[in-house]
Amino acid sequence: DVRRRIDDYREVFRRIAGVPKPTICAINGYAFGGGLELAMACDLRVV
């Protein structure tokens, strides 16, 4: 189940990175582990 979930993460973050319009992550609080990986899938980050 864990292996499958990580594959899900990877696919979803790839989908976020590949959306054909700009994405900005507004990091309003802690971003650790997968949270920071999610933020890095965006084009720009404001923290």
All heavy atoms as atom14 arrays in JSON, in Angstrom:
{
  "sequence": "DVRRRIDDYREVFRRIAGVPKPTICAINGYAFGGGLELAMACDLRVV",
  "atom14_mask": [
    [1, 1, 1, 1, 1, 1, 1, 1, 0, 0, 0, 0, 0, 0],
    [1, 1, 1, 1, 1, 1, 1, 0, 0, 0, 0, 0, 0, 0],
    [1, 1, 1, 1, 1, 1, 1, 1, 1, 1, 1, 0, 0, 0],
    [1, 1, 1, 1, 1, 1, 1, 1, 1, 1, 1, 0, 0, 0],
    [1, 1, 1, 1, 1, 1, 1, 1, 1, 1, 1, 0, 0, 0],
    [1, 1, 1, 1, 1, 1, 1, 1, 0, 0, 0, 0, 0, 0],
    [1, 1, 1, 1, 1, 1, 1, 1, 0, 0, 0, 0, 0, 0],
    [1, 1, 1, 1, 1, 1, 1, 1, 0, 0, 0, 0, 0, 0],
    [1, 1, 1, 1, 1, 1, 1, 1, 1, 1, 1, 1, 0, 0],
    [1, 1, 1, 1, 1, 1, 1, 1, 1, 1, 1, 0, 0, 0],
    [1, 1, 1, 1, 1, 1, 1, 1, 1, 0, 0, 0, 0, 0],
    [1, 1, 1, 1, 1, 1, 1, 0, 0, 0, 0, 0, 0, 0],
    [1, 1, 1, 1, 1, 1, 1, 1, 1, 1, 1, 0, 0, 0],
    [1, 1, 1, 1, 1, 1, 1, 1, 1, 1, 1, 0, 0, 0],
    [1, 1, 1, 1, 1, 1, 1, 1, 1, 1, 1, 0, 0, 0],
    [1, 1, 1, 1, 1, 1, 1, 1, 0, 0, 0, 0, 0, 0],
    [1, 1, 1, 1, 1, 0, 0, 0, 0, 0, 0, 0, 0, 0],
    [1, 1, 1, 1, 0, 0, 0, 0, 0, 0, 0, 0, 0, 0],
    [1, 1, 1, 1, 1, 1, 1, 0, 0, 0, 0, 0, 0, 0],
    [1, 1, 1, 1, 1, 1, 1, 0, 0, 0, 0, 0, 0, 0],
    [1, 1, 1, 1, 1, 1, 1, 1, 1, 0, 0, 0, 0, 0],
    [1, 1, 1, 1, 1, 1, 1, 0, 0, 0, 0, 0, 0, 0],
    [1, 1, 1, 1, 1, 1, 1, 0, 0, 0, 0, 0, 0, 0],
    [1, 1, 1, 1, 1, 1, 1, 1, 0, 0, 0, 0, 0, 0],
    [1, 1, 1, 1, 1, 1, 0, 0, 0, 0, 0, 0, 0, 0],
    [1, 1, 1, 1, 1, 0, 0, 0, 0, 0, 0, 0, 0, 0],
    [1, 1, 1, 1, 1, 1, 1, 1, 0, 0, 0, 0, 0, 0],
    [1, 1, 1, 1, 1, 1, 1, 1, 0, 0, 0, 0, 0, 0],
    [1, 1, 1, 1, 0, 0, 0, 0, 0, 0, 0, 0, 0, 0],
    [1, 1, 1, 1, 1, 1, 1, 1, 1, 1, 1, 1, 0, 0],
    [1, 1, 1, 1, 1, 0, 0, 0, 0, 0, 0, 0, 0, 0],
    [1, 1, 1, 1, 1, 1, 1, 1, 1, 1, 1, 0, 0, 0],
    [1, 1, 1, 1, 0, 0, 0, 0, 0, 0, 0, 0, 0, 0],
    [1, 1, 1, 1, 0, 0, 0, 0, 0, 0, 0, 0, 0, 0],
    [1, 1, 1, 1, 0, 0, 0, 0, 0, 0, 0, 0, 0, 0],
    [1, 1, 1, 1, 1, 1, 1, 1, 0, 0, 0, 0, 0, 0],
    [1, 1, 1, 1, 1, 1, 1, 1, 1, 0, 0, 0, 0, 0],
    [1, 1, 1, 1, 1, 1, 1, 1, 0, 0, 0, 0, 0, 0],
    [1, 1, 1, 1, 1, 0, 0, 0, 0, 0, 0, 0, 0, 0],
    [1, 1, 1, 1, 1, 1, 1, 1, 0, 0, 0, 0, 0, 0],
    [1, 1, 1, 1, 1, 0, 0, 0, 0, 0, 0, 0, 0, 0],
    [1, 1, 1, 1, 1, 1, 0, 0, 0, 0, 0, 0, 0, 0],
    [1, 1, 1, 1, 1, 1, 1, 1, 0, 0, 0, 0, 0, 0],
    [1, 1, 1, 1, 1, 1, 1, 1, 0, 0, 0, 0, 0, 0],
    [1, 1, 1, 1, 1, 1, 1, 1, 1, 1, 1, 0, 0, 0],
    [1, 1, 1, 1, 1, 1, 1, 0, 0, 0, 0, 0, 0, 0],
    [1, 1, 1, 1, 1, 1, 1, 0, 0, 0, 0, 0, 0, 0]
  ],
  "atom14_positions": [
    [[0.83, -1.2, 0.0], [0.0, 0.0, 0.0], [0.87, 1.25, 0.0], [0.56, 2.23, -0.68], [-0.91, 0.03, 1.24], [-2.03, -1.0, 1.16], [-2.37, -1.42, 0.05], [-2.54, -1.38, 2.24], [0.0, 0.0, 0.0], [0.0, 0.0, 0.0], [0.0, 0.0, 0.0], [0.0, 0.0, 0.0], [0.0, 0.0, 0.0], [0.0, 0.0, 0.0]],
    [[1.96, 1.23, 0.77], [2.86, 2.38, 0.83], [3.51, 2.61, -0.53], [3.6, 3.75, -1.01], [3.93, 2.19, 1.92], [4.96, 3.32, 1.85], [3.27, 2.16, 3.3], [0.0, 0.0, 0.0], [0.0, 0.0, 0.0], [0.0, 0.0, 0.0], [0.0, 0.0, 0.0], [0.0, 0.0, 0.0], [0.0, 0.0, 0.0], [0.0, 0.0, 0.0]],
    [[3.97, 1.54, -1.17], [4.58, 1.68, -2.49], [3.59, 2.29, -3.49], [3.94, 3.15, -4.29], [5.08, 0.33, -2.99], [6.33, -0.18, -2.27], [6.97, -1.31, -3.04], [6.1, -2.48, -3.14], [6.09, -3.47, -2.25], [6.89, -3.44, -1.2], [5.28, -4.5, -2.41], [0.0, 0.0, 0.0], [0.0, 0.0, 0.0], [0.0, 0.0, 0.0]],
    [[2.37, 1.83, -3.42], [1.34, 2.35, -4.32], [1.07, 3.83, -4.03], [0.92, 4.63, -4.96], [0.05, 1.55, -4.18], [-1.08, 2.05, -5.06], [-2.3, 1.16, -4.95], [-2.03, -0.2, -5.43], [-2.94, -1.17, -5.46], [-4.17, -0.94, -5.01], [-2.62, -2.36, -5.92], [0.0, 0.0, 0.0], [0.0, 0.0, 0.0], [0.0, 0.0, 0.0]],
    [[1.02, 4.19, -2.75], [0.74, 5.58, -2.4], [1.86, 6.5, -2.89], [1.59, 7.6, -3.4], [0.57, 5.71, -0.89], [0.31, 7.13, -0.38], [-0.97, 7.77, -0.95], [-2.11, 6.93, -0.82], [-2.81, 6.74, 0.33], [-2.45, 7.36, 1.42], [-3.85, 5.94, 0.34], [0.0, 0.0, 0.0], [0.0, 0.0, 0.0], [0.0, 0.0, 0.0]],
    [[3.12, 6.06, -2.76], [4.22, 6.89, -3.26], [4.12, 7.05, -4.77], [4.39, 8.14, -5.3], [5.57, 6.27, -2.86], [5.76, 6.34, -1.34], [6.72, 7.02, -3.54], [5.72, 7.74, -0.76], [0.0, 0.0, 0.0], [0.0, 0.0, 0.0], [0.0, 0.0, 0.0], [0.0, 0.0, 0.0], [0.0, 0.0, 0.0], [0.0, 0.0, 0.0]],
    [[3.73, 6.01, -5.47], [3.52, 6.13, -6.91], [2.4, 7.14, -7.2], [2.49, 7.91, -8.16], [3.16, 4.78, -7.53], [4.37, 3.86, -7.67], [5.51, 4.35, -7.53], [4.17, 2.66, -7.92], [0.0, 0.0, 0.0], [0.0, 0.0, 0.0], [0.0, 0.0, 0.0], [0.0, 0.0, 0.0], [0.0, 0.0, 0.0], [0.0, 0.0, 0.0]],
    [[1.36, 7.14, -6.37], [0.27, 8.1, -6.53], [0.8, 9.53, -6.33], [0.45, 10.44, -7.08], [-0.84, 7.82, -5.52], [-1.6, 6.55, -5.81], [-1.52, 6.05, -6.96], [-2.27, 6.03, -4.9], [0.0, 0.0, 0.0], [0.0, 0.0, 0.0], [0.0, 0.0, 0.0], [0.0, 0.0, 0.0], [0.0, 0.0, 0.0], [0.0, 0.0, 0.0]],
    [[1.59, 9.73, -5.27], [2.2, 11.04, -5.04], [2.94, 11.5, -6.3], [2.77, 12.62, -6.77], [3.24, 10.97, -3.92], [2.75, 10.97, -2.51], [1.41, 10.81, -2.18], [3.65, 11.14, -1.46], [0.99, 10.81, -0.87], [3.24, 11.14, -0.14], [1.91, 10.97, 0.15], [1.51, 10.97, 1.45], [0.0, 0.0, 0.0], [0.0, 0.0, 0.0]],
    [[3.8, 10.61, -6.79], [4.67, 10.96, -7.91], [3.85, 11.35, -9.14], [4.15, 12.33, -9.82], [5.6, 9.79, -8.22], [6.79, 10.13, -9.09], [7.69, 8.94, -9.26], [8.28, 8.52, -7.99], [8.0, 7.35, -7.38], [7.17, 6.5, -7.95], [8.58, 7.07, -6.23], [0.0, 0.0, 0.0], [0.0, 0.0, 0.0], [0.0, 0.0, 0.0]],
    [[2.78, 10.6, -9.39], [1.95, 10.89, -10.55], [1.18, 12.2, -10.38], [1.08, 13.0, -11.31], [0.97, 9.74, -10.79], [0.04, 9.95, -11.96], [0.77, 10.23, -13.27], [1.84, 9.66, -13.5], [0.25, 11.06, -14.06], [0.0, 0.0, 0.0], [0.0, 0.0, 0.0], [0.0, 0.0, 0.0], [0.0, 0.0, 0.0], [0.0, 0.0, 0.0]],
    [[0.66, 12.43, -9.19], [-0.09, 13.67, -8.95], [0.83, 14.88, -9.03], [0.48, 15.9, -9.63], [-0.8, 13.6, -7.58], [-1.35, 14.97, -7.19], [-1.93, 12.58, -7.63], [0.0, 0.0, 0.0], [0.0, 0.0, 0.0], [0.0, 0.0, 0.0], [0.0, 0.0, 0.0], [0.0, 0.0, 0.0], [0.0, 0.0, 0.0], [0.0, 0.0, 0.0]],
    [[2.03, 14.79, -8.45], [2.95, 15.91, -8.51], [3.4, 16.16, -9.94], [3.62, 17.31, -10.34], [4.15, 15.67, -7.6], [3.81, 15.59, -6.13], [4.77, 15.24, -5.2], [2.52, 15.85, -5.67], [4.47, 15.18, -3.85], [2.2, 15.78, -4.32], [3.17, 15.44, -3.41], [0.0, 0.0, 0.0], [0.0, 0.0, 0.0], [0.0, 0.0, 0.0]],
    [[3.55, 15.1, -10.72], [3.87, 15.26, -12.14], [2.72, 15.99, -12.86], [2.96, 16.83, -13.73], [4.12, 13.9, -12.78], [4.58, 13.97, -14.23], [4.78, 12.6, -14.83], [5.85, 11.87, -14.17], [5.7, 10.74, -13.5], [4.51, 10.2, -13.39], [6.74, 10.15, -12.96], [0.0, 0.0, 0.0], [0.0, 0.0, 0.0], [0.0, 0.0, 0.0]],
    [[1.51, 15.66, -12.48], [0.35, 16.33, -13.09], [0.32, 17.81, -12.73], [0.0, 18.66, -13.57], [-0.93, 15.64, -12.62], [-2.19, 16.1, -13.29], [-3.37, 15.21, -12.93], [-3.24, 13.89, -13.54], [-4.13, 12.91, -13.4], [-5.21, 13.11, -12.64], [-3.96, 11.75, -13.99], [0.0, 0.0, 0.0], [0.0, 0.0, 0.0], [0.0, 0.0, 0.0]],
    [[0.66, 18.13, -11.48], [0.72, 19.54, -11.06], [1.81, 20.28, -11.82], [1.59, 21.38, -12.34], [0.95, 19.62, -9.54], [-0.28, 19.1, -8.79], [1.26, 21.06, -9.11], [-0.07, 18.9, -7.3], [0.0, 0.0, 0.0], [0.0, 0.0, 0.0], [0.0, 0.0, 0.0], [0.0, 0.0, 0.0], [0.0, 0.0, 0.0], [0.0, 0.0, 0.0]],
    [[2.99, 19.65, -11.91], [4.1, 20.29, -12.62], [3.78, 20.49, -14.1], [4.24, 21.45, -14.71], [5.37, 19.44, -12.47], [0.0, 0.0, 0.0], [0.0, 0.0, 0.0], [0.0, 0.0, 0.0], [0.0, 0.0, 0.0], [0.0, 0.0, 0.0], [0.0, 0.0, 0.0], [0.0, 0.0, 0.0], [0.0, 0.0, 0.0], [0.0, 0.0, 0.0]],
    [[2.99, 19.6, -14.67], [2.73, 19.64, -16.1], [1.5, 20.42, -16.52], [1.23, 20.52, -17.73], [0.0, 0.0, 0.0], [0.0, 0.0, 0.0], [0.0, 0.0, 0.0], [0.0, 0.0, 0.0], [0.0, 0.0, 0.0], [0.0, 0.0, 0.0], [0.0, 0.0, 0.0], [0.0, 0.0, 0.0], [0.0, 0.0, 0.0], [0.0, 0.0, 0.0]],
    [[0.76, 20.99, -15.57], [-0.42, 21.75, -15.97], [0.04, 22.95, -16.81], [1.01, 23.63, -16.45], [-1.25, 22.19, -14.73], [-0.57, 23.29, -13.95], [-2.66, 22.59, -15.12], [0.0, 0.0, 0.0], [0.0, 0.0, 0.0], [0.0, 0.0, 0.0], [0.0, 0.0, 0.0], [0.0, 0.0, 0.0], [0.0, 0.0, 0.0], [0.0, 0.0, 0.0]],
    [[-0.58, 23.21, -17.97], [-0.04, 24.21, -18.9], [-0.39, 25.65, -18.57], [-0.79, 26.43, -19.43], [-0.66, 23.79, -20.24], [-1.97, 23.19, -19.85], [-1.74, 22.5, -18.53], [0.0, 0.0, 0.0], [0.0, 0.0, 0.0], [0.0, 0.0, 0.0], [0.0, 0.0, 0.0], [0.0, 0.0, 0.0], [0.0, 0.0, 0.0], [0.0, 0.0, 0.0]],
    [[-0.24, 26.01, -17.33], [-0.44, 27.39, -16.87], [0.39, 27.58, -15.62], [0.73, 26.61, -14.93], [-1.92, 27.69, -16.63], [-2.65, 26.69, -15.78], [-4.17, 26.76, -16.0], [-4.56, 26.17, -17.35], [-6.0, 26.25, -17.63], [0.0, 0.0, 0.0], [0.0, 0.0, 0.0], [0.0, 0.0, 0.0], [0.0, 0.0, 0.0], [0.0, 0.0, 0.0]],
    [[0.76, 28.8, -15.3], [1.65, 29.02, -14.15], [1.02, 28.58, -12.83], [-0.18, 28.78, -12.61], [1.89, 30.54, -14.17], [1.55, 30.96, -15.56], [0.46, 30.05, -16.01], [0.0, 0.0, 0.0], [0.0, 0.0, 0.0], [0.0, 0.0, 0.0], [0.0, 0.0, 0.0], [0.0, 0.0, 0.0], [0.0, 0.0, 0.0], [0.0, 0.0, 0.0]],
    [[1.85, 28.01, -11.97], [1.42, 27.62, -10.63], [2.34, 28.28, -9.6], [3.56, 28.29, -9.76], [1.45, 26.09, -10.45], [2.76, 25.6, -10.8], [0.42, 25.41, -11.32], [0.0, 0.0, 0.0], [0.0, 0.0, 0.0], [0.0, 0.0, 0.0], [0.0, 0.0, 0.0], [0.0, 0.0, 0.0], [0.0, 0.0, 0.0], [0.0, 0.0, 0.0]],
    [[1.73, 28.82, -8.57], [2.46, 29.49, -7.5], [2.08, 28.83, -6.18], [0.89, 28.73, -5.86], [2.1, 31.0, -7.43], [2.39, 31.69, -8.77], [2.85, 31.68, -6.29], [1.76, 33.07, -8.88], [0.0, 0.0, 0.0], [0.0, 0.0, 0.0], [0.0, 0.0, 0.0], [0.0, 0.0, 0.0], [0.0, 0.0, 0.0], [0.0, 0.0, 0.0]],
    [[3.06, 28.39, -5.43], [2.78, 27.81, -4.12], [3.03, 28.86, -3.05], [4.14, 29.41, -2.96], [3.65, 26.58, -3.87], [3.21, 25.71, -2.35], [0.0, 0.0, 0.0], [0.0, 0.0, 0.0], [0.0, 0.0, 0.0], [0.0, 0.0, 0.0], [0.0, 0.0, 0.0], [0.0, 0.0, 0.0], [0.0, 0.0, 0.0], [0.0, 0.0, 0.0]],
    [[2.01, 29.17, -2.28], [2.14, 30.09, -1.15], [2.31, 29.25, 0.11], [1.33, 28.72, 0.66], [0.91, 30.99, -1.05], [0.0, 0.0, 0.0], [0.0, 0.0, 0.0], [0.0, 0.0, 0.0], [0.0, 0.0, 0.0], [0.0, 0.0, 0.0], [0.0, 0.0, 0.0], [0.0, 0.0, 0.0], [0.0, 0.0, 0.0], [0.0, 0.0, 0.0]],
    [[3.55, 29.12, 0.56], [3.88, 28.23, 1.69], [3.65, 29.01, 2.97], [4.51, 29.74, 3.46], [5.34, 27.73, 1.58], [5.57, 27.07, 0.21], [5.64, 26.76, 2.71], [7.02, 26.69, -0.04], [0.0, 0.0, 0.0], [0.0, 0.0, 0.0], [0.0, 0.0, 0.0], [0.0, 0.0, 0.0], [0.0, 0.0, 0.0], [0.0, 0.0, 0.0]],
    [[2.47, 28.85, 3.53], [2.04, 29.67, 4.66], [2.46, 29.11, 6.01], [2.3, 29.77, 7.04], [0.51, 29.81, 4.65], [-0.19, 28.47, 4.67], [0.03, 27.64, 3.8], [-1.05, 28.25, 5.65], [0.0, 0.0, 0.0], [0.0, 0.0, 0.0], [0.0, 0.0, 0.0], [0.0, 0.0, 0.0], [0.0, 0.0, 0.0], [0.0, 0.0, 0.0]],
    [[2.99, 27.88, 6.04], [3.42, 27.26, 7.28], [4.35, 26.11, 6.96], [4.87, 26.0, 5.85], [0.0, 0.0, 0.0], [0.0, 0.0, 0.0], [0.0, 0.0, 0.0], [0.0, 0.0, 0.0], [0.0, 0.0, 0.0], [0.0, 0.0, 0.0], [0.0, 0.0, 0.0], [0.0, 0.0, 0.0], [0.0, 0.0, 0.0], [0.0, 0.0, 0.0]],
    [[4.54, 25.23, 7.92], [5.48, 24.14, 7.76], [5.25, 23.39, 6.45], [4.12, 23.06, 6.08], [5.37, 23.14, 8.91], [5.74, 23.7, 10.26], [4.99, 23.38, 11.39], [6.83, 24.54, 10.42], [5.33, 23.88, 12.64], [7.17, 25.05, 11.66], [6.42, 24.71, 12.77], [6.76, 25.23, 14.0], [0.0, 0.0, 0.0], [0.0, 0.0, 0.0]],
    [[6.35, 23.07, 5.76], [6.32, 22.24, 4.55], [7.45, 21.24, 4.68], [8.6, 21.56, 4.41], [6.46, 23.09, 3.29], [0.0, 0.0, 0.0], [0.0, 0.0, 0.0], [0.0, 0.0, 0.0], [0.0, 0.0, 0.0], [0.0, 0.0, 0.0], [0.0, 0.0, 0.0], [0.0, 0.0, 0.0], [0.0, 0.0, 0.0], [0.0, 0.0, 0.0]],
    [[7.1, 20.03, 5.11], [8.11, 19.0, 5.33], [7.83, 17.79, 4.45], [6.67, 17.5, 4.12], [8.13, 18.56, 6.8], [8.49, 19.65, 7.76], [7.78, 19.83, 8.94], [9.56, 20.51, 7.49], [8.12, 20.84, 9.84], [9.91, 21.51, 8.39], [9.18, 21.68, 9.55], [0.0, 0.0, 0.0], [0.0, 0.0, 0.0], [0.0, 0.0, 0.0]],
    [[8.88, 17.08, 4.08], [8.71, 15.84, 3.34], [7.88, 16.03, 2.09], [8.16, 16.88, 1.23], [0.0, 0.0, 0.0], [0.0, 0.0, 0.0], [0.0, 0.0, 0.0], [0.0, 0.0, 0.0], [0.0, 0.0, 0.0], [0.0, 0.0, 0.0], [0.0, 0.0, 0.0], [0.0, 0.0, 0.0], [0.0, 0.0, 0.0], [0.0, 0.0, 0.0]],
    [[6.82, 15.23, 1.98], [5.95, 15.32, 0.82], [5.31, 16.68, 0.63], [4.95, 17.06, -0.49], [0.0, 0.0, 0.0], [0.0, 0.0, 0.0], [0.0, 0.0, 0.0], [0.0, 0.0, 0.0], [0.0, 0.0, 0.0], [0.0, 0.0, 0.0], [0.0, 0.0, 0.0], [0.0, 0.0, 0.0], [0.0, 0.0, 0.0], [0.0, 0.0, 0.0]],
    [[5.17, 17.44, 1.72], [4.63, 18.79, 1.59], [5.55, 19.69, 0.81], [5.11, 20.48, -0.03], [0.0, 0.0, 0.0], [0.0, 0.0, 0.0], [0.0, 0.0, 0.0], [0.0, 0.0, 0.0], [0.0, 0.0, 0.0], [0.0, 0.0, 0.0], [0.0, 0.0, 0.0], [0.0, 0.0, 0.0], [0.0, 0.0, 0.0], [0.0, 0.0, 0.0]],
    [[6.86, 19.58, 1.07], [7.82, 20.38, 0.31], [7.93, 19.84, -1.12], [8.1, 20.62, -2.07], [9.17, 20.39, 0.99], [10.25, 21.26, 0.33], [9.78, 22.7, 0.16], [11.55, 21.22, 1.12], [0.0, 0.0, 0.0], [0.0, 0.0, 0.0], [0.0, 0.0, 0.0], [0.0, 0.0, 0.0], [0.0, 0.0, 0.0], [0.0, 0.0, 0.0]],
    [[7.85, 18.54, -1.3], [7.86, 17.98, -2.65], [6.67, 18.49, -3.45], [6.79, 18.78, -4.65], [7.84, 16.45, -2.58], [9.15, 15.86, -2.05], [9.11, 14.37, -1.92], [8.21, 13.85, -1.21], [9.96, 13.7, -2.52], [0.0, 0.0, 0.0], [0.0, 0.0, 0.0], [0.0, 0.0, 0.0], [0.0, 0.0, 0.0], [0.0, 0.0, 0.0]],
    [[5.53, 18.61, -2.81], [4.35, 19.19, -3.46], [4.63, 20.63, -3.86], [4.32, 21.04, -4.99], [3.15, 19.11, -2.51], [1.88, 19.85, -2.9], [1.36, 19.38, -4.25], [0.82, 19.67, -1.82], [0.0, 0.0, 0.0], [0.0, 0.0, 0.0], [0.0, 0.0, 0.0], [0.0, 0.0, 0.0], [0.0, 0.0, 0.0], [0.0, 0.0, 0.0]],
    [[5.21, 21.41, -2.97], [5.52, 22.8, -3.28], [6.5, 22.91, -4.43], [6.38, 23.8, -5.29], [6.08, 23.5, -2.03], [0.0, 0.0, 0.0], [0.0, 0.0, 0.0], [0.0, 0.0, 0.0], [0.0, 0.0, 0.0], [0.0, 0.0, 0.0], [0.0, 0.0, 0.0], [0.0, 0.0, 0.0], [0.0, 0.0, 0.0], [0.0, 0.0, 0.0]],
    [[7.48, 22.01, -4.48], [8.49, 22.07, -5.53], [7.93, 21.66, -6.89], [8.55, 21.94, -7.92], [9.69, 21.19, -5.17], [10.53, 21.75, -4.04], [12.13, 20.91, -3.85], [11.6, 19.28, -3.34], [0.0, 0.0, 0.0], [0.0, 0.0, 0.0], [0.0, 0.0, 0.0], [0.0, 0.0, 0.0], [0.0, 0.0, 0.0], [0.0, 0.0, 0.0]],
    [[6.77, 21.01, -6.91], [6.14, 20.68, -8.19], [5.51, 21.91, -8.84], [5.19, 21.87, -10.03], [5.07, 19.6, -7.98], [0.0, 0.0, 0.0], [0.0, 0.0, 0.0], [0.0, 0.0, 0.0], [0.0, 0.0, 0.0], [0.0, 0.0, 0.0], [0.0, 0.0, 0.0], [0.0, 0.0, 0.0], [0.0, 0.0, 0.0], [0.0, 0.0, 0.0]],
    [[5.35, 22.98, -8.08], [4.82, 24.23, -8.63], [5.93, 25.02, -9.31], [7.11, 24.8, -9.06], [4.18, 25.06, -7.52], [2.73, 24.29, -6.76], [0.0, 0.0, 0.0], [0.0, 0.0, 0.0], [0.0, 0.0, 0.0], [0.0, 0.0, 0.0], [0.0, 0.0, 0.0], [0.0, 0.0, 0.0], [0.0, 0.0, 0.0], [0.0, 0.0, 0.0]],
    [[5.55, 25.96, -10.16], [6.54, 26.75, -10.89], [7.29, 27.73, -10.0], [8.5, 27.9, -10.13], [5.84, 27.54, -12.01], [5.24, 26.63, -13.06], [5.93, 25.71, -13.52], [4.06, 26.83, -13.42], [0.0, 0.0, 0.0], [0.0, 0.0, 0.0], [0.0, 0.0, 0.0], [0.0, 0.0, 0.0], [0.0, 0.0, 0.0], [0.0, 0.0, 0.0]],
    [[6.57, 28.39, -9.1], [7.16, 29.39, -8.23], [6.71, 29.13, -6.8], [5.65, 28.53, -6.56], [6.72, 30.81, -8.63], [6.95, 31.24, -10.08], [6.4, 32.65, -10.27], [8.41, 31.17, -10.47], [0.0, 0.0, 0.0], [0.0, 0.0, 0.0], [0.0, 0.0, 0.0], [0.0, 0.0, 0.0], [0.0, 0.0, 0.0], [0.0, 0.0, 0.0]],
    [[7.51, 29.6, -5.86], [7.17, 29.45, -4.45], [7.38, 30.77, -3.71], [8.44, 31.41, -3.87], [8.06, 28.37, -3.79], [7.64, 26.95, -4.09], [8.8, 25.99, -4.06], [9.78, 26.33, -5.09], [9.63, 26.05, -6.39], [8.56, 25.43, -6.81], [10.55, 26.4, -7.28], [0.0, 0.0, 0.0], [0.0, 0.0, 0.0], [0.0, 0.0, 0.0]],
    [[6.4, 31.15, -2.91], [6.52, 32.26, -1.98], [6.35, 31.67, -0.59], [5.39, 30.94, -0.34], [5.45, 33.34, -2.24], [5.63, 34.51, -1.28], [5.49, 33.82, -3.68], [0.0, 0.0, 0.0], [0.0, 0.0, 0.0], [0.0, 0.0, 0.0], [0.0, 0.0, 0.0], [0.0, 0.0, 0.0], [0.0, 0.0, 0.0], [0.0, 0.0, 0.0]],
    [[7.28, 31.95, 0.31], [7.26, 31.3, 1.62], [7.17, 32.35, 2.72], [7.75, 33.44, 2.61], [8.51, 30.41, 1.81], [9.79, 31.23, 1.79], [8.42, 29.58, 3.08], [0.0, 0.0, 0.0], [0.0, 0.0, 0.0], [0.0, 0.0, 0.0], [0.0, 0.0, 0.0], [0.0, 0.0, 0.0], [0.0, 0.0, 0.0], [0.0, 0.0, 0.0]]
  ]
}
